[in-house]
Protein backbone atom coordinates (compact mmCIF):
# COMPACT_ATOMS: atom_id res chain seq x y z
CA MET A 1 128.97 -10.02 23.50
CA VAL A 2 130.14 -13.57 24.06
CA ALA A 3 132.09 -15.15 21.32
CA GLY A 4 133.55 -18.67 21.05
CA PRO A 5 132.81 -21.81 23.10
CA VAL A 6 131.61 -21.69 26.59
CA GLN A 7 132.96 -24.73 28.54
CA GLN A 8 130.75 -26.17 31.16
CA PRO A 9 131.87 -28.86 33.65
CA SER A 10 130.89 -32.37 32.77
CA LEU A 11 128.41 -34.11 35.07
CA VAL A 12 128.31 -37.48 33.16
CA THR A 13 129.64 -40.44 34.77
CA ARG A 14 132.53 -42.07 32.68
CA PRO A 15 133.22 -45.71 32.51
CA SER A 16 136.28 -46.75 34.28
CA ALA A 17 137.37 -50.00 32.66
CA ALA A 18 140.93 -51.10 33.43
CA ARG A 19 143.40 -50.29 30.70
CA PRO A 20 147.15 -49.90 30.19
CA HIS A 21 148.61 -46.61 30.96
CA PRO A 22 151.36 -44.57 29.41
CA ALA A 23 153.94 -42.55 31.25
CA GLY A 24 154.70 -45.30 33.90
CA LEU A 25 151.35 -44.66 35.55
CA PRO A 26 149.49 -47.77 36.69
CA ALA A 27 146.14 -48.91 35.00
CA ASP A 28 142.97 -47.89 36.69
CA PRO A 29 142.08 -50.65 39.12
CA ARG A 30 138.49 -49.62 39.66
CA PRO A 31 135.93 -52.20 38.39
CA SER A 32 133.85 -51.20 35.41
CA THR A 33 130.64 -51.29 37.36
CA LEU A 34 129.94 -48.04 39.52
CA SER A 35 130.39 -48.57 43.20
CA ALA A 36 129.25 -46.42 45.93
CA ASP A 37 131.71 -43.75 46.89
CA PRO A 38 132.51 -43.74 50.75
CA HIS A 39 132.90 -39.91 50.57
CA PRO A 40 129.95 -38.68 48.40
CA ILE A 41 129.74 -35.25 46.95
CA GLY A 42 126.46 -33.38 47.76
CA LEU A 43 123.22 -34.78 48.30
CA PRO A 44 122.19 -38.39 47.37
CA GLY A 45 121.02 -38.54 43.78
CA GLU A 46 122.79 -35.50 42.64
CA PRO A 47 125.17 -35.81 39.74
CA ARG A 48 128.95 -35.91 40.51
CA PRO A 49 131.65 -34.30 38.55
CA ALA A 50 133.20 -36.82 35.98
CA GLY A 51 136.54 -36.86 34.37
CA LEU A 52 139.76 -35.30 35.90
CA ALA A 53 137.91 -32.67 37.96
CA GLY A 54 135.84 -35.48 39.82
CA ASP A 55 139.06 -37.56 40.18
CA VAL A 56 141.09 -34.57 41.68
CA HIS A 57 138.24 -33.90 44.03
CA ALA A 58 138.03 -37.43 45.13
CA LEU A 59 141.83 -37.39 45.83
CA GLY A 60 141.54 -34.33 47.86
CA ARG A 61 138.80 -35.89 50.06
CA ALA A 62 140.94 -39.23 50.45
CA VAL A 63 143.97 -36.99 51.51
CA ALA A 64 141.89 -34.89 53.94
CA VAL A 65 140.72 -38.05 55.99
CA ALA A 66 142.60 -38.71 59.23
CA THR A 67 145.91 -40.57 58.64
CA THR A 68 144.96 -42.94 61.50
CA GLU A 69 141.98 -44.32 59.43
CA PRO A 70 142.51 -47.86 58.25
CA ARG A 71 143.70 -48.22 54.79
CA TRP A 72 144.18 -44.38 54.46
CA ARG A 73 147.49 -44.66 52.48
CA GLU A 74 145.85 -47.34 50.14
CA GLU A 75 142.83 -45.04 49.59
CA VAL A 76 144.98 -42.19 48.66
CA LEU A 77 146.95 -44.41 46.20
CA LEU A 78 143.59 -45.78 44.76
CA ARG A 79 142.30 -42.18 44.26
CA LEU A 80 145.61 -41.05 42.76
CA ARG A 81 145.59 -43.55 39.88
CA PRO A 82 142.64 -42.06 38.03
CA VAL A 83 144.27 -38.61 38.45
CA GLY A 84 147.29 -39.78 36.73
CA GLN A 85 145.32 -41.25 33.90
CA GLY A 86 143.09 -38.27 33.49
CA PHE A 87 146.08 -36.01 33.44
CA VAL A 88 147.88 -38.02 30.75
CA GLU A 89 144.57 -37.75 28.68
CA HIS A 90 144.54 -33.95 29.34
CA ILE A 91 148.08 -33.78 27.87
CA ARG A 92 147.04 -35.79 24.89
CA VAL A 93 144.03 -33.63 24.17
CA THR A 94 145.84 -30.28 24.68
CA GLU A 95 149.41 -31.11 23.16
CA GLY A 96 148.50 -33.57 20.52
CA PRO A 97 148.91 -32.79 16.86
CA THR A 98 145.28 -31.67 16.63
CA GLY A 99 145.36 -30.48 20.16
CA LEU A 100 143.80 -27.37 21.77
CA TYR A 101 147.10 -25.62 22.07
CA ARG A 102 147.81 -25.93 18.34
CA GLU A 103 144.34 -24.56 17.57
CA LEU A 104 144.77 -21.74 20.11
CA LEU A 105 148.18 -20.76 18.54
CA THR A 106 146.78 -20.88 14.98
CA GLN A 107 143.93 -18.46 16.05
CA SER A 108 145.86 -16.37 18.53
CA PRO A 109 149.70 -16.40 18.27
CA ARG A 110 149.91 -13.91 21.01
CA LEU A 111 149.14 -16.72 23.54
CA ASP A 112 152.52 -18.49 22.86
CA HIS A 113 153.90 -17.68 26.20
CA GLY A 114 150.88 -18.93 28.14
CA VAL A 115 150.87 -22.18 26.04
CA ARG A 116 154.50 -22.75 26.63
CA LEU A 117 153.90 -22.13 30.46
CA LEU A 118 151.11 -24.70 30.50
CA THR A 119 153.19 -27.22 28.57
CA ARG A 120 156.01 -26.96 31.07
CA GLU A 121 153.59 -27.43 33.91
CA HIS A 122 152.48 -30.82 32.29
CA ALA A 123 156.01 -32.28 32.95
CA ALA A 124 156.12 -30.95 36.53
CA ILE A 125 152.66 -32.19 37.27
CA ILE A 126 153.45 -35.77 35.94
CA ALA A 127 156.59 -35.79 38.10
CA ALA A 128 154.54 -34.61 41.06
CA ILE A 129 151.98 -37.50 40.49
CA LEU A 130 154.74 -40.05 40.26
CA ALA A 131 156.45 -38.72 43.50
CA VAL A 132 153.11 -38.99 45.38
CA GLN A 133 152.66 -42.65 44.06
CA ARG A 134 156.23 -43.49 45.12
CA VAL A 135 155.73 -42.18 48.61
CA ALA A 136 152.26 -43.83 48.94
CA GLU A 137 153.59 -47.17 48.03
CA GLN A 138 156.30 -46.96 50.81
CA PRO A 139 154.49 -47.84 54.07
CA GLU A 140 157.44 -46.86 56.17
CA VAL A 141 157.16 -43.18 54.97
CA ASN A 142 155.61 -40.89 57.43
CA PRO A 143 151.95 -40.08 56.50
CA ASP A 144 152.66 -36.24 56.95
CA GLU A 145 155.14 -36.67 54.07
CA LEU A 146 152.48 -38.24 51.89
CA ARG A 147 149.81 -35.57 52.86
CA HIS A 148 152.39 -32.79 52.12
CA ARG A 149 153.28 -34.18 48.65
CA ALA A 150 149.62 -34.92 47.68
CA GLY A 151 148.71 -31.33 49.00
CA THR A 152 151.46 -29.84 46.75
CA LEU A 153 150.14 -31.91 43.81
CA LEU A 154 146.56 -30.79 44.42
CA ARG A 155 147.56 -27.03 44.48
CA ARG A 156 149.59 -27.48 41.20
CA LEU A 157 146.69 -29.12 39.53
CA ALA A 158 144.30 -26.25 40.87
CA ARG A 159 146.85 -23.52 39.63
CA HIS A 160 147.17 -25.30 36.21
CA ARG A 161 143.50 -25.47 35.87
CA ARG A 162 143.07 -21.72 36.55
CA ARG A 163 145.90 -20.88 34.29
CA GLY A 164 144.35 -22.92 31.52
CA ALA A 165 140.94 -21.39 32.08
CA ASP A 166 142.69 -17.90 31.90
CA LEU A 167 144.15 -18.70 28.71
CA LEU A 168 140.94 -19.81 27.16
CA TRP A 169 139.12 -16.82 28.40
CA GLU A 170 141.88 -14.55 26.95
CA ALA A 171 141.63 -16.59 23.55
CA TYR A 172 137.87 -16.52 23.19
CA GLN A 173 136.38 -13.77 25.20
CA THR A 174 138.83 -10.80 24.75
CA ASP A 175 137.08 -7.79 23.33
CA LEU A 176 139.07 -6.89 20.33
CA GLY A 177 137.23 -3.52 19.95
CA GLY A 178 134.79 -2.20 17.43
CA GLU A 179 131.78 -2.05 19.71
CA THR A 180 131.09 0.68 22.36
């Protein structure tokens, strides 16, 4: 028996208008019109993941390009900005007064430890985003240092996503008994 919401990844393209950004992260510099991605996902005409997942994927592709490519550092910085913005939005949606974590704890107080762990990770991930940004903005810093910090950020984001998904699974999919 499946109970509760089933979350599917979004394949809708989101607008990317420039807007001011909290937490010291710069505004999204991308134009509001859609531009061709130099590193497309999948086959032409296929939908691309939108939102934070798509931005994280784009950052990973930018980091993976050879550091000898022209403007590599600028591309990494460009792809980092929407990740920072998307993550701040993620924090607002999860930790806000009507956020997901409050709802989870109201329905399942046993998840308190998991919610506290995810909340602590938010601060660490914001710090990692800002650290990658600082390194990317300094052209004298070795590209390997930037790649290392960006890789660490990407791994933290992936781990955070898995933990969040596991918490939702535990909240909504756990069989509490009664059926055989």
